[in-house]
Amino acid sequence: LSLPAGRREAACEMDCVIGLARDAQCLLTLYHRPSRLQLALLLPRKAPSAVAAALGLLERTIGEEAFARLFGTVLTDNGPEFSDFSSIERSALPGKTSRCRVYYCDVRQSQQKAGCERNHVELRKLLPKGRGISFDALDGRDCAELMSQLNSEPRPSLMGLSPIAMLRAAMPHEAETLMDALGIREVPYGGLDLTPRALNAARAERGLAPLL
């Protein structure tokens, strides 16, 4: 693993989560190690160009400084969708060449980004496997609800704080910029629902069919 020791704790772990075998869409997940915050960005397809486009949109939306502080160091696996490291690193902003540095796990050593893998267990409570949920039915507001629920859950590893609260305490400006850009809100503890019901209730409010 070539990731320098000084950058490991601040790194962002990147991965993909897929739905049904026939789905075109998938989720790009970005796990911010210091705060345990995990983003889930919808990709139209599992491909290097889609990953680069999603990172570019995020960079343009939250700005150069916030992107650099949150996602300046990226750790991912050797999946083909992450194979074009130059497109991951290349900035989408005029006059800027690089937005981040990307590092890869050793071959067959996905535990080197174990935080992201563990957090996918929580994500799968909202989008469980084997329940017939098509990711092609997801939209950006579904992802916002998923991220709101997922990142509002208190964590023992954060001394009872949620990832949102932790990020707000450590990086208040970046936290608000990111949350505003992606439509993430902090859900009160009594309103947490880490099941598909949360997504379906939000979809019903928008007049959409349930995912199940």
N, C-alpha and C. Protein backbone atom coordinates (compact mmCIF):
# COMPACT_ATOMS: atom_id res chain seq x y z
N LEU A 1 0.85 -1.20 0.00
CA LEU A 1 0.00 0.00 0.00
C LEU A 1 0.88 1.23 0.00
N SER A 2 0.73 2.09 -0.98
CA SER A 2 1.62 3.24 -1.14
C SER A 2 1.11 4.50 -0.45
N LEU A 3 -0.05 4.43 0.19
CA LEU A 3 -0.59 5.61 0.85
C LEU A 3 0.32 6.01 2.01
N PRO A 4 0.87 7.23 1.99
CA PRO A 4 1.78 7.65 3.07
C PRO A 4 1.10 7.61 4.43
N ALA A 5 1.86 7.23 5.45
CA ALA A 5 1.29 7.09 6.79
C ALA A 5 0.63 8.37 7.27
N GLY A 6 1.20 9.50 6.94
CA GLY A 6 0.64 10.77 7.40
C GLY A 6 -0.70 11.13 6.79
N ARG A 7 -1.06 10.45 5.70
CA ARG A 7 -2.32 10.76 5.03
C ARG A 7 -3.42 9.74 5.32
N ARG A 8 -3.09 8.66 5.99
CA ARG A 8 -4.04 7.55 6.11
C ARG A 8 -5.29 7.94 6.88
N GLU A 9 -5.13 8.59 8.01
CA GLU A 9 -6.29 8.91 8.84
C GLU A 9 -7.21 9.94 8.19
N ALA A 10 -6.66 10.78 7.33
CA ALA A 10 -7.47 11.82 6.68
C ALA A 10 -8.02 11.39 5.33
N ALA A 11 -7.71 10.18 4.91
CA ALA A 11 -8.09 9.74 3.57
C ALA A 11 -9.59 9.52 3.44
N CYS A 12 -10.04 9.61 2.21
CA CYS A 12 -11.42 9.27 1.85
C CYS A 12 -11.38 7.93 1.12
N GLU A 13 -12.17 6.97 1.59
CA GLU A 13 -12.23 5.66 0.95
C GLU A 13 -13.36 5.66 -0.09
N MET A 14 -13.07 5.19 -1.28
CA MET A 14 -14.03 5.22 -2.38
C MET A 14 -14.34 3.80 -2.86
N ASP A 15 -15.63 3.57 -3.16
CA ASP A 15 -16.06 2.24 -3.60
C ASP A 15 -17.34 2.39 -4.42
N CYS A 16 -17.84 1.27 -4.93
CA CYS A 16 -19.12 1.24 -5.64
C CYS A 16 -20.03 0.20 -5.00
N VAL A 17 -21.33 0.48 -5.00
CA VAL A 17 -22.34 -0.46 -4.54
C VAL A 17 -23.32 -0.67 -5.69
N ILE A 18 -23.62 -1.93 -5.99
CA ILE A 18 -24.50 -2.23 -7.11
C ILE A 18 -25.84 -2.77 -6.63
N GLY A 19 -26.83 -2.68 -7.50
CA GLY A 19 -28.16 -3.20 -7.20
C GLY A 19 -28.38 -4.53 -7.89
N LEU A 20 -29.41 -4.60 -8.73
CA LEU A 20 -29.70 -5.82 -9.47
C LEU A 20 -28.71 -5.99 -10.63
N ALA A 21 -28.52 -7.22 -11.05
CA ALA A 21 -27.57 -7.51 -12.11
C ALA A 21 -27.90 -6.75 -13.39
N ARG A 22 -29.18 -6.50 -13.63
CA ARG A 22 -29.58 -5.83 -14.87
C ARG A 22 -29.49 -4.30 -14.78
N ASP A 23 -29.26 -3.76 -13.59
CA ASP A 23 -29.26 -2.30 -13.41
C ASP A 23 -28.08 -1.65 -14.12
N ALA A 24 -28.35 -0.50 -14.72
CA ALA A 24 -27.27 0.33 -15.26
C ALA A 24 -26.69 1.22 -14.17
N GLN A 25 -27.58 1.81 -13.36
CA GLN A 25 -27.13 2.73 -12.32
C GLN A 25 -26.50 1.98 -11.15
N CYS A 26 -25.58 2.66 -10.48
CA CYS A 26 -24.98 2.15 -9.25
C CYS A 26 -24.65 3.34 -8.35
N LEU A 27 -24.13 3.06 -7.17
CA LEU A 27 -23.79 4.12 -6.23
C LEU A 27 -22.28 4.21 -6.07
N LEU A 28 -21.75 5.42 -6.17
CA LEU A 28 -20.37 5.70 -5.82
C LEU A 28 -20.37 6.15 -4.36
N THR A 29 -19.64 5.43 -3.52
CA THR A 29 -19.60 5.78 -2.10
C THR A 29 -18.25 6.40 -1.76
N LEU A 30 -18.29 7.45 -0.95
CA LEU A 30 -17.11 8.16 -0.48
C LEU A 30 -17.19 8.22 1.04
N TYR A 31 -16.25 7.58 1.70
CA TYR A 31 -16.25 7.46 3.16
C TYR A 31 -15.14 8.34 3.73
N HIS A 32 -15.53 9.38 4.47
CA HIS A 32 -14.58 10.32 5.06
C HIS A 32 -14.12 9.76 6.40
N ARG A 33 -12.91 9.24 6.44
CA ARG A 33 -12.43 8.53 7.62
C ARG A 33 -12.53 9.33 8.93
N PRO A 34 -12.10 10.59 8.97
CA PRO A 34 -12.10 11.29 10.26
C PRO A 34 -13.47 11.42 10.91
N SER A 35 -14.51 11.62 10.10
CA SER A 35 -15.86 11.84 10.65
C SER A 35 -16.77 10.63 10.52
N ARG A 36 -16.37 9.62 9.76
CA ARG A 36 -17.18 8.43 9.44
C ARG A 36 -18.37 8.77 8.51
N LEU A 37 -18.36 9.96 7.93
CA LEU A 37 -19.45 10.35 7.03
C LEU A 37 -19.30 9.61 5.71
N GLN A 38 -20.42 9.08 5.21
CA GLN A 38 -20.38 8.37 3.93
C GLN A 38 -21.36 8.99 2.95
N LEU A 39 -20.84 9.35 1.77
CA LEU A 39 -21.68 9.85 0.70
C LEU A 39 -22.06 8.70 -0.22
N ALA A 40 -23.21 8.84 -0.87
CA ALA A 40 -23.66 7.87 -1.87
C ALA A 40 -24.15 8.67 -3.08
N LEU A 41 -23.35 8.68 -4.13
CA LEU A 41 -23.64 9.46 -5.33
C LEU A 41 -24.08 8.52 -6.44
N LEU A 42 -25.16 8.88 -7.11
CA LEU A 42 -25.72 8.03 -8.16
C LEU A 42 -24.90 8.14 -9.44
N LEU A 43 -24.47 6.99 -9.96
CA LEU A 43 -23.78 6.95 -11.24
C LEU A 43 -24.69 6.36 -12.30
N PRO A 44 -24.69 6.92 -13.52
CA PRO A 44 -25.54 6.36 -14.58
C PRO A 44 -25.05 5.00 -15.06
N ARG A 45 -23.78 4.69 -14.82
CA ARG A 45 -23.20 3.40 -15.19
C ARG A 45 -21.91 3.22 -14.39
N LYS A 46 -21.48 1.99 -14.26
CA LYS A 46 -20.27 1.67 -13.52
C LYS A 46 -19.09 1.72 -14.48
N ALA A 47 -18.53 2.93 -14.64
CA ALA A 47 -17.48 3.13 -15.62
C ALA A 47 -16.57 4.27 -15.17
N PRO A 48 -15.31 4.27 -15.62
CA PRO A 48 -14.38 5.32 -15.21
C PRO A 48 -14.88 6.72 -15.53
N SER A 49 -15.50 6.89 -16.71
CA SER A 49 -15.98 8.22 -17.08
C SER A 49 -17.08 8.70 -16.15
N ALA A 50 -17.92 7.80 -15.68
CA ALA A 50 -19.00 8.17 -14.76
C ALA A 50 -18.44 8.55 -13.39
N VAL A 51 -17.42 7.82 -12.92
CA VAL A 51 -16.78 8.17 -11.65
C VAL A 51 -16.15 9.55 -11.74
N ALA A 52 -15.42 9.82 -12.80
CA ALA A 52 -14.78 11.12 -12.98
C ALA A 52 -15.81 12.24 -13.06
N ALA A 53 -16.92 11.99 -13.76
CA ALA A 53 -17.96 13.00 -13.88
C ALA A 53 -18.60 13.32 -12.54
N ALA A 54 -18.85 12.28 -11.73
CA ALA A 54 -19.45 12.49 -10.41
C ALA A 54 -18.53 13.29 -9.50
N LEU A 55 -17.24 12.97 -9.52
CA LEU A 55 -16.28 13.72 -8.72
C LEU A 55 -16.16 15.15 -9.22
N GLY A 56 -16.21 15.32 -10.53
CA GLY A 56 -16.15 16.67 -11.09
C GLY A 56 -17.34 17.51 -10.68
N LEU A 57 -18.53 16.92 -10.71
CA LEU A 57 -19.73 17.66 -10.30
C LEU A 57 -19.64 18.02 -8.82
N LEU A 58 -19.18 17.09 -7.99
CA LEU A 58 -19.02 17.36 -6.56
C LEU A 58 -18.01 18.48 -6.34
N GLU A 59 -16.91 18.43 -7.05
CA GLU A 59 -15.87 19.47 -6.93
C GLU A 59 -16.42 20.84 -7.31
N ARG A 60 -17.13 20.92 -8.41
CA ARG A 60 -17.67 22.21 -8.85
C ARG A 60 -18.74 22.73 -7.88
N THR A 61 -19.49 21.80 -7.30
CA THR A 61 -20.60 22.20 -6.44
C THR A 61 -20.13 22.73 -5.09
N ILE A 62 -19.15 22.05 -4.47
CA ILE A 62 -18.73 22.47 -3.14
C ILE A 62 -17.51 23.38 -3.16
N GLY A 63 -16.84 23.46 -4.31
CA GLY A 63 -15.72 24.37 -4.43
C GLY A 63 -14.37 23.72 -4.16
N GLU A 64 -13.34 24.37 -4.65
CA GLU A 64 -11.98 23.83 -4.59
C GLU A 64 -11.51 23.56 -3.17
N GLU A 65 -11.70 24.54 -2.28
CA GLU A 65 -11.16 24.41 -0.93
C GLU A 65 -11.84 23.30 -0.14
N ALA A 66 -13.17 23.26 -0.18
CA ALA A 66 -13.89 22.22 0.56
C ALA A 66 -13.57 20.84 0.01
N PHE A 67 -13.48 20.72 -1.31
CA PHE A 67 -13.17 19.42 -1.91
C PHE A 67 -11.79 18.95 -1.47
N ALA A 68 -10.82 19.85 -1.48
CA ALA A 68 -9.46 19.48 -1.11
C ALA A 68 -9.39 19.03 0.34
N ARG A 69 -10.10 19.70 1.23
CA ARG A 69 -10.04 19.34 2.64
C ARG A 69 -10.75 18.02 2.93
N LEU A 70 -11.84 17.76 2.22
CA LEU A 70 -12.61 16.54 2.46
C LEU A 70 -12.11 15.34 1.66
N PHE A 71 -11.74 15.57 0.41
CA PHE A 71 -11.45 14.47 -0.50
C PHE A 71 -10.10 14.61 -1.20
N GLY A 72 -9.17 15.30 -0.56
CA GLY A 72 -7.87 15.53 -1.19
C GLY A 72 -7.03 14.28 -1.33
N THR A 73 -7.27 13.29 -0.48
CA THR A 73 -6.58 11.99 -0.57
C THR A 73 -7.63 10.90 -0.67
N VAL A 74 -7.59 10.12 -1.73
CA VAL A 74 -8.60 9.09 -2.00
C VAL A 74 -7.93 7.72 -2.03
N LEU A 75 -8.53 6.77 -1.33
CA LEU A 75 -8.07 5.38 -1.33
C LEU A 75 -9.17 4.51 -1.90
N THR A 76 -8.85 3.71 -2.90
CA THR A 76 -9.86 2.85 -3.51
C THR A 76 -9.26 1.50 -3.88
N ASP A 77 -10.10 0.64 -4.45
CA ASP A 77 -9.62 -0.69 -4.85
C ASP A 77 -9.26 -0.70 -6.33
N ASN A 78 -8.99 -1.88 -6.84
CA ASN A 78 -8.53 -2.00 -8.23
C ASN A 78 -9.65 -2.34 -9.20
N GLY A 79 -10.88 -1.99 -8.86
CA GLY A 79 -12.00 -2.21 -9.76
C GLY A 79 -11.82 -1.45 -11.06
N PRO A 80 -12.33 -1.99 -12.18
CA PRO A 80 -12.13 -1.33 -13.48
C PRO A 80 -12.71 0.08 -13.55
N GLU A 81 -13.75 0.35 -12.74
CA GLU A 81 -14.33 1.70 -12.76
C GLU A 81 -13.40 2.75 -12.16
N PHE A 82 -12.35 2.28 -11.44
CA PHE A 82 -11.39 3.21 -10.83
C PHE A 82 -10.02 3.14 -11.52
N SER A 83 -9.97 2.52 -12.67
CA SER A 83 -8.69 2.25 -13.32
C SER A 83 -8.05 3.50 -13.92
N ASP A 84 -8.84 4.51 -14.26
CA ASP A 84 -8.30 5.72 -14.89
C ASP A 84 -7.96 6.74 -13.80
N PHE A 85 -6.81 6.55 -13.16
CA PHE A 85 -6.45 7.41 -12.04
C PHE A 85 -6.29 8.87 -12.45
N SER A 86 -5.87 9.11 -13.69
CA SER A 86 -5.67 10.49 -14.12
C SER A 86 -6.99 11.26 -14.19
N SER A 87 -8.09 10.57 -14.57
CA SER A 87 -9.38 11.25 -14.63
C SER A 87 -9.95 11.48 -13.24
N ILE A 88 -9.59 10.61 -12.28
CA ILE A 88 -10.01 10.81 -10.90
C ILE A 88 -9.31 12.03 -10.32
N GLU A 89 -8.02 12.15 -10.60
CA GLU A 89 -7.21 13.22 -10.02
C GLU A 89 -7.40 14.56 -10.73
N ARG A 90 -7.77 14.54 -12.00
CA ARG A 90 -7.82 15.78 -12.79
C ARG A 90 -8.95 16.69 -12.34
N SER A 91 -8.65 17.95 -12.12
CA SER A 91 -9.66 18.91 -11.67
C SER A 91 -10.63 19.26 -12.78
N ALA A 92 -11.87 19.54 -12.38
CA ALA A 92 -12.89 20.01 -13.32
C ALA A 92 -13.00 21.53 -13.31
N LEU A 93 -12.16 22.19 -12.53
CA LEU A 93 -12.22 23.64 -12.40
C LEU A 93 -11.26 24.31 -13.37
N PRO A 94 -11.66 25.42 -13.98
CA PRO A 94 -10.79 26.14 -14.93
C PRO A 94 -9.49 26.59 -14.26
N GLY A 95 -8.40 26.35 -14.95
CA GLY A 95 -7.11 26.81 -14.46
C GLY A 95 -6.49 25.97 -13.38
N LYS A 96 -7.13 24.87 -12.99
CA LYS A 96 -6.59 23.99 -11.95
C LYS A 96 -6.34 22.62 -12.56
N THR A 97 -5.21 22.02 -12.25
CA THR A 97 -4.85 20.75 -12.88
C THR A 97 -5.26 19.54 -12.06
N SER A 98 -5.09 19.59 -10.74
CA SER A 98 -5.34 18.41 -9.91
C SER A 98 -6.30 18.73 -8.77
N ARG A 99 -7.20 17.79 -8.46
CA ARG A 99 -8.14 18.00 -7.34
C ARG A 99 -7.83 17.07 -6.17
N CYS A 100 -7.11 15.95 -6.41
CA CYS A 100 -6.84 15.00 -5.34
C CYS A 100 -5.70 14.09 -5.75
N ARG A 101 -5.24 13.29 -4.80
CA ARG A 101 -4.31 12.21 -5.08
C ARG A 101 -5.02 10.90 -4.79
N VAL A 102 -4.91 9.95 -5.71
CA VAL A 102 -5.58 8.67 -5.54
C VAL A 102 -4.56 7.57 -5.29
N TYR A 103 -4.88 6.70 -4.34
CA TYR A 103 -4.04 5.56 -3.99
C TYR A 103 -4.90 4.30 -4.08
N TYR A 104 -4.25 3.17 -4.35
CA TYR A 104 -4.97 1.91 -4.53
C TYR A 104 -4.58 0.90 -3.46
N CYS A 105 -5.57 0.15 -3.01
CA CYS A 105 -5.30 -0.96 -2.10
C CYS A 105 -4.43 -2.00 -2.80
N ASP A 106 -3.68 -2.74 -2.01
CA ASP A 106 -2.95 -3.86 -2.57
C ASP A 106 -3.95 -4.87 -3.14
N VAL A 107 -3.52 -5.64 -4.09
CA VAL A 107 -4.39 -6.61 -4.76
C VAL A 107 -4.99 -7.58 -3.73
N ARG A 108 -6.31 -7.75 -3.81
CA ARG A 108 -7.07 -8.63 -2.92
C ARG A 108 -6.91 -8.24 -1.44
N GLN A 109 -6.73 -6.95 -1.20
CA GLN A 109 -6.60 -6.46 0.18
C GLN A 109 -7.61 -5.34 0.43
N SER A 110 -8.89 -5.64 0.16
CA SER A 110 -9.92 -4.61 0.32
C SER A 110 -10.10 -4.17 1.76
N GLN A 111 -9.57 -4.96 2.72
CA GLN A 111 -9.67 -4.55 4.12
C GLN A 111 -8.85 -3.30 4.41
N GLN A 112 -8.01 -2.91 3.46
CA GLN A 112 -7.26 -1.68 3.63
C GLN A 112 -8.16 -0.46 3.55
N LYS A 113 -9.37 -0.64 3.06
CA LYS A 113 -10.40 0.41 3.14
C LYS A 113 -11.60 -0.16 3.90
N ALA A 114 -11.32 -0.66 5.09
CA ALA A 114 -12.33 -1.38 5.86
C ALA A 114 -13.46 -0.49 6.36
N GLY A 115 -13.20 0.80 6.56
CA GLY A 115 -14.26 1.69 7.04
C GLY A 115 -15.41 1.76 6.06
N CYS A 116 -15.08 1.91 4.79
CA CYS A 116 -16.10 1.96 3.74
C CYS A 116 -16.86 0.64 3.67
N GLU A 117 -16.13 -0.46 3.74
CA GLU A 117 -16.77 -1.77 3.66
C GLU A 117 -17.73 -1.98 4.83
N ARG A 118 -17.32 -1.60 6.04
CA ARG A 118 -18.19 -1.75 7.21
C ARG A 118 -19.42 -0.86 7.09
N ASN A 119 -19.24 0.34 6.59
CA ASN A 119 -20.37 1.26 6.48
C ASN A 119 -21.37 0.81 5.42
N HIS A 120 -20.91 0.02 4.47
CA HIS A 120 -21.85 -0.53 3.48
C HIS A 120 -22.86 -1.47 4.14
N VAL A 121 -22.49 -2.06 5.25
CA VAL A 121 -23.45 -2.90 6.00
C VAL A 121 -24.62 -2.04 6.45
N GLU A 122 -24.34 -0.83 6.93
CA GLU A 122 -25.40 0.09 7.34
C GLU A 122 -26.20 0.57 6.13
N LEU A 123 -25.51 0.87 5.05
CA LEU A 123 -26.19 1.32 3.82
C LEU A 123 -27.15 0.25 3.32
N ARG A 124 -26.74 -1.01 3.44
CA ARG A 124 -27.57 -2.11 2.95
C ARG A 124 -28.82 -2.34 3.80
N LYS A 125 -28.88 -1.74 4.97
CA LYS A 125 -30.12 -1.79 5.72
C LYS A 125 -31.21 -0.99 5.02
N LEU A 126 -30.82 0.08 4.34
CA LEU A 126 -31.76 0.91 3.60
C LEU A 126 -32.00 0.39 2.19
N LEU A 127 -30.98 -0.24 1.61
CA LEU A 127 -31.09 -0.81 0.27
C LEU A 127 -30.63 -2.27 0.32
N PRO A 128 -31.41 -3.13 0.96
CA PRO A 128 -30.97 -4.52 1.17
C PRO A 128 -30.88 -5.32 -0.12
N LYS A 129 -29.90 -6.22 -0.12
CA LYS A 129 -29.79 -7.17 -1.23
C LYS A 129 -30.92 -8.19 -1.15
N GLY A 130 -31.25 -8.78 -2.28
CA GLY A 130 -32.20 -9.86 -2.31
C GLY A 130 -33.65 -9.45 -2.10
N ARG A 131 -33.92 -8.15 -2.17
CA ARG A 131 -35.29 -7.67 -1.97
C ARG A 131 -35.89 -7.12 -3.26
N GLY A 132 -35.18 -7.26 -4.36
CA GLY A 132 -35.70 -6.82 -5.66
C GLY A 132 -35.65 -5.33 -5.88
N ILE A 133 -34.83 -4.61 -5.12
CA ILE A 133 -34.73 -3.16 -5.28
C ILE A 133 -33.83 -2.84 -6.48
N SER A 134 -34.38 -2.14 -7.45
CA SER A 134 -33.62 -1.75 -8.63
C SER A 134 -32.98 -0.38 -8.41
N PHE A 135 -31.69 -0.30 -8.58
CA PHE A 135 -31.01 0.98 -8.46
C PHE A 135 -31.37 1.91 -9.62
N ASP A 136 -31.89 1.34 -10.71
CA ASP A 136 -32.34 2.19 -11.82
C ASP A 136 -33.54 3.04 -11.43
N ALA A 137 -34.23 2.67 -10.34
CA ALA A 137 -35.38 3.45 -9.86
C ALA A 137 -34.96 4.59 -8.95
N LEU A 138 -33.69 4.62 -8.53
CA LEU A 138 -33.22 5.65 -7.60
C LEU A 138 -33.00 6.98 -8.31
N ASP A 139 -33.21 8.06 -7.55
CA ASP A 139 -32.84 9.38 -8.05
C ASP A 139 -32.04 10.11 -6.96
N GLY A 140 -31.65 11.33 -7.26
CA GLY A 140 -30.81 12.08 -6.35
C GLY A 140 -31.44 12.34 -5.00
N ARG A 141 -32.75 12.49 -4.96
CA ARG A 141 -33.42 12.74 -3.68
C ARG A 141 -33.50 11.48 -2.83
N ASP A 142 -33.56 10.32 -3.48
CA ASP A 142 -33.44 9.06 -2.74
C ASP A 142 -32.07 8.99 -2.07
N CYS A 143 -31.04 9.37 -2.80
CA CYS A 143 -29.69 9.34 -2.25
C CYS A 143 -29.55 10.33 -1.09
N ALA A 144 -30.20 11.50 -1.21
CA ALA A 144 -30.15 12.48 -0.12
C ALA A 144 -30.79 11.93 1.14
N GLU A 145 -31.92 11.24 0.99
CA GLU A 145 -32.59 10.64 2.15
C GLU A 145 -31.73 9.53 2.74
N LEU A 146 -31.14 8.70 1.89
CA LEU A 146 -30.27 7.64 2.36
C LEU A 146 -29.11 8.21 3.16
N MET A 147 -28.44 9.24 2.62
CA MET A 147 -27.29 9.84 3.31
C MET A 147 -27.71 10.52 4.60
N SER A 148 -28.90 11.12 4.62
CA SER A 148 -29.38 11.78 5.84
C SER A 148 -29.59 10.77 6.95
N GLN A 149 -30.26 9.68 6.65
CA GLN A 149 -30.50 8.64 7.65
C GLN A 149 -29.19 8.00 8.09
N LEU A 150 -28.37 7.60 7.14
CA LEU A 150 -27.13 6.87 7.42
C LEU A 150 -26.18 7.68 8.29
N ASN A 151 -26.07 8.97 8.01
CA ASN A 151 -25.08 9.81 8.69
C ASN A 151 -25.62 10.50 9.93
N SER A 152 -26.86 10.25 10.28
CA SER A 152 -27.44 10.80 11.52
C SER A 152 -27.42 9.80 12.66
N GLU A 153 -26.99 8.58 12.38
CA GLU A 153 -26.97 7.53 13.40
C GLU A 153 -25.79 7.73 14.35
N PRO A 154 -26.02 7.84 15.66
CA PRO A 154 -24.90 7.97 16.60
C PRO A 154 -23.98 6.75 16.54
N ARG A 155 -22.69 6.99 16.69
CA ARG A 155 -21.71 5.90 16.60
C ARG A 155 -20.89 5.82 17.90
N PRO A 156 -20.76 4.64 18.47
CA PRO A 156 -19.89 4.48 19.64
C PRO A 156 -18.46 4.94 19.37
N SER A 157 -17.99 4.71 18.14
CA SER A 157 -16.62 5.10 17.78
C SER A 157 -16.43 6.60 17.76
N LEU A 158 -17.54 7.35 17.73
CA LEU A 158 -17.49 8.82 17.74
C LEU A 158 -17.99 9.36 19.08
N MET A 159 -17.91 8.54 20.12
CA MET A 159 -18.35 8.93 21.46
C MET A 159 -19.81 9.36 21.49
N GLY A 160 -20.62 8.64 20.70
CA GLY A 160 -22.05 8.89 20.68
C GLY A 160 -22.50 9.95 19.70
N LEU A 161 -21.57 10.60 19.02
CA LEU A 161 -21.95 11.58 18.00
C LEU A 161 -22.29 10.87 16.69
N SER A 162 -23.06 11.54 15.87
CA SER A 162 -23.31 11.05 14.52
C SER A 162 -22.20 11.55 13.61
N PRO A 163 -22.01 10.93 12.44
CA PRO A 163 -21.03 11.45 11.49
C PRO A 163 -21.28 12.90 11.10
N ILE A 164 -22.56 13.28 10.95
CA ILE A 164 -22.87 14.67 10.63
C ILE A 164 -22.41 15.59 11.74
N ALA A 165 -22.72 15.24 12.98
CA ALA A 165 -22.32 16.07 14.12
C ALA A 165 -20.80 16.15 14.23
N MET A 166 -20.12 15.04 13.96
CA MET A 166 -18.66 15.02 14.03
C MET A 166 -18.05 15.93 12.98
N LEU A 167 -18.57 15.86 11.75
CA LEU A 167 -18.04 16.71 10.69
C LEU A 167 -18.33 18.17 10.98
N ARG A 168 -19.52 18.46 11.49
CA ARG A 168 -19.85 19.84 11.84
C ARG A 168 -18.92 20.39 12.92
N ALA A 169 -18.56 19.56 13.88
CA ALA A 169 -17.68 20.00 14.96
C ALA A 169 -16.27 20.25 14.45
N ALA A 170 -15.81 19.39 13.54
CA ALA A 170 -14.44 19.48 13.07
C ALA A 170 -14.26 20.47 11.92
N MET A 171 -15.24 20.51 11.02
CA MET A 171 -15.12 21.33 9.80
C MET A 171 -16.48 21.96 9.50
N PRO A 172 -16.90 22.93 10.30
CA PRO A 172 -18.27 23.46 10.18
C PRO A 172 -18.60 24.03 8.80
N HIS A 173 -17.70 24.78 8.22
CA HIS A 173 -17.99 25.38 6.91
C HIS A 173 -18.13 24.30 5.84
N GLU A 174 -17.18 23.37 5.82
CA GLU A 174 -17.23 22.30 4.82
C GLU A 174 -18.45 21.41 5.00
N ALA A 175 -18.82 21.18 6.27
CA ALA A 175 -20.00 20.35 6.55
C ALA A 175 -21.26 20.97 5.98
N GLU A 176 -21.47 22.24 6.24
CA GLU A 176 -22.68 22.91 5.75
C GLU A 176 -22.68 23.02 4.23
N THR A 177 -21.50 23.29 3.65
CA THR A 177 -21.40 23.37 2.19
C THR A 177 -21.77 22.04 1.55
N LEU A 178 -21.24 20.96 2.10
CA LEU A 178 -21.50 19.63 1.55
C LEU A 178 -22.96 19.24 1.73
N MET A 179 -23.51 19.47 2.91
CA MET A 179 -24.88 19.08 3.18
C MET A 179 -25.86 19.88 2.32
N ASP A 180 -25.61 21.17 2.18
CA ASP A 180 -26.48 22.00 1.33
C ASP A 180 -26.41 21.54 -0.12
N ALA A 181 -25.22 21.20 -0.59
CA ALA A 181 -25.04 20.82 -1.98
C ALA A 181 -25.74 19.51 -2.31
N LEU A 182 -25.75 18.56 -1.35
CA LEU A 182 -26.30 17.23 -1.62
C LEU A 182 -27.67 17.00 -1.01
N GLY A 183 -28.21 18.01 -0.34
CA GLY A 183 -29.55 17.86 0.25
C GLY A 183 -29.58 16.98 1.48
N ILE A 184 -28.46 16.90 2.19
CA ILE A 184 -28.39 16.06 3.40
C ILE A 184 -28.87 16.87 4.60
N ARG A 185 -29.66 16.24 5.45
CA ARG A 185 -30.11 16.87 6.68
C ARG A 185 -29.81 15.96 7.85
N GLU A 186 -29.72 16.54 9.04
CA GLU A 186 -29.51 15.71 10.22
C GLU A 186 -30.87 15.28 10.76
N VAL A 187 -31.11 13.99 10.80
CA VAL A 187 -32.38 13.44 11.24
C VAL A 187 -32.35 13.30 12.76
N PRO A 188 -33.35 13.83 13.48
CA PRO A 188 -33.38 13.63 14.94
C PRO A 188 -33.39 12.15 15.29
N TYR A 189 -32.83 11.82 16.44
CA TYR A 189 -32.67 10.42 16.82
C TYR A 189 -34.01 9.67 16.77
N GLY A 190 -35.06 10.30 17.22
CA GLY A 190 -36.38 9.65 17.21
C GLY A 190 -36.95 9.43 15.83
N GLY A 191 -36.38 10.11 14.84
CA GLY A 191 -36.87 9.96 13.46
C GLY A 191 -36.03 9.04 12.60
N LEU A 192 -34.98 8.46 13.19
CA LEU A 192 -34.12 7.57 12.41
C LEU A 192 -34.86 6.30 12.01
N ASP A 193 -34.65 5.89 10.76
CA ASP A 193 -35.25 4.66 10.26
C ASP A 193 -34.31 4.07 9.23
N LEU A 194 -33.45 3.17 9.65
CA LEU A 194 -32.47 2.58 8.74
C LEU A 194 -33.05 1.33 8.07
N THR A 195 -34.20 1.54 7.41
CA THR A 195 -34.85 0.48 6.64
C THR A 195 -35.37 1.11 5.35
N PRO A 196 -35.79 0.28 4.38
CA PRO A 196 -36.35 0.84 3.15
C PRO A 196 -37.57 1.73 3.38
N ARG A 197 -38.22 1.61 4.55
CA ARG A 197 -39.39 2.44 4.83
C ARG A 197 -39.05 3.92 4.74
N ALA A 198 -37.84 4.29 5.15
CA ALA A 198 -37.46 5.71 5.12
C ALA A 198 -37.45 6.24 3.69
N LEU A 199 -36.87 5.46 2.78
CA LEU A 199 -36.82 5.89 1.38
C LEU A 199 -38.22 5.89 0.77
N ASN A 200 -39.00 4.87 1.08
CA ASN A 200 -40.34 4.78 0.50
C ASN A 200 -41.26 5.89 1.01
N ALA A 201 -41.11 6.27 2.28
CA ALA A 201 -41.92 7.36 2.82
C ALA A 201 -41.57 8.67 2.13
N ALA A 202 -40.29 8.91 1.91
CA ALA A 202 -39.88 10.13 1.21
C ALA A 202 -40.35 10.12 -0.24
N ARG A 203 -40.33 8.95 -0.87
CA ARG A 203 -40.82 8.85 -2.25
C ARG A 203 -42.32 9.09 -2.32
N ALA A 204 -43.05 8.59 -1.33
CA ALA A 204 -44.50 8.79 -1.31
C ALA A 204 -44.85 10.27 -1.24
N GLU A 205 -44.06 11.03 -0.49
CA GLU A 205 -44.29 12.47 -0.38
C GLU A 205 -44.09 13.17 -1.72
N ARG A 206 -43.29 12.57 -2.59
CA ARG A 206 -43.04 13.13 -3.92
C ARG A 206 -43.91 12.50 -4.99
N GLY A 207 -44.82 11.63 -4.57
CA GLY A 207 -45.75 11.01 -5.49
C GLY A 207 -45.15 9.89 -6.33
N LEU A 208 -44.08 9.27 -5.79
CA LEU A 208 -43.40 8.18 -6.52
C LEU A 208 -43.75 6.83 -5.92
N ALA A 209 -43.65 5.81 -6.73
CA ALA A 209 -43.91 4.45 -6.27
C ALA A 209 -42.82 4.00 -5.31
N PRO A 210 -43.13 3.09 -4.41
CA PRO A 210 -42.09 2.57 -3.49
C PRO A 210 -41.04 1.76 -4.25
N LEU A 211 -39.90 1.61 -3.63
CA LEU A 211 -38.82 0.85 -4.26
C LEU A 211 -39.09 -0.65 -4.19
N LEU A 212 -39.88 -1.09 -3.21
CA LEU A 212 -40.18 -2.51 -3.06
C LEU A 212 -41.53 -2.84 -3.64
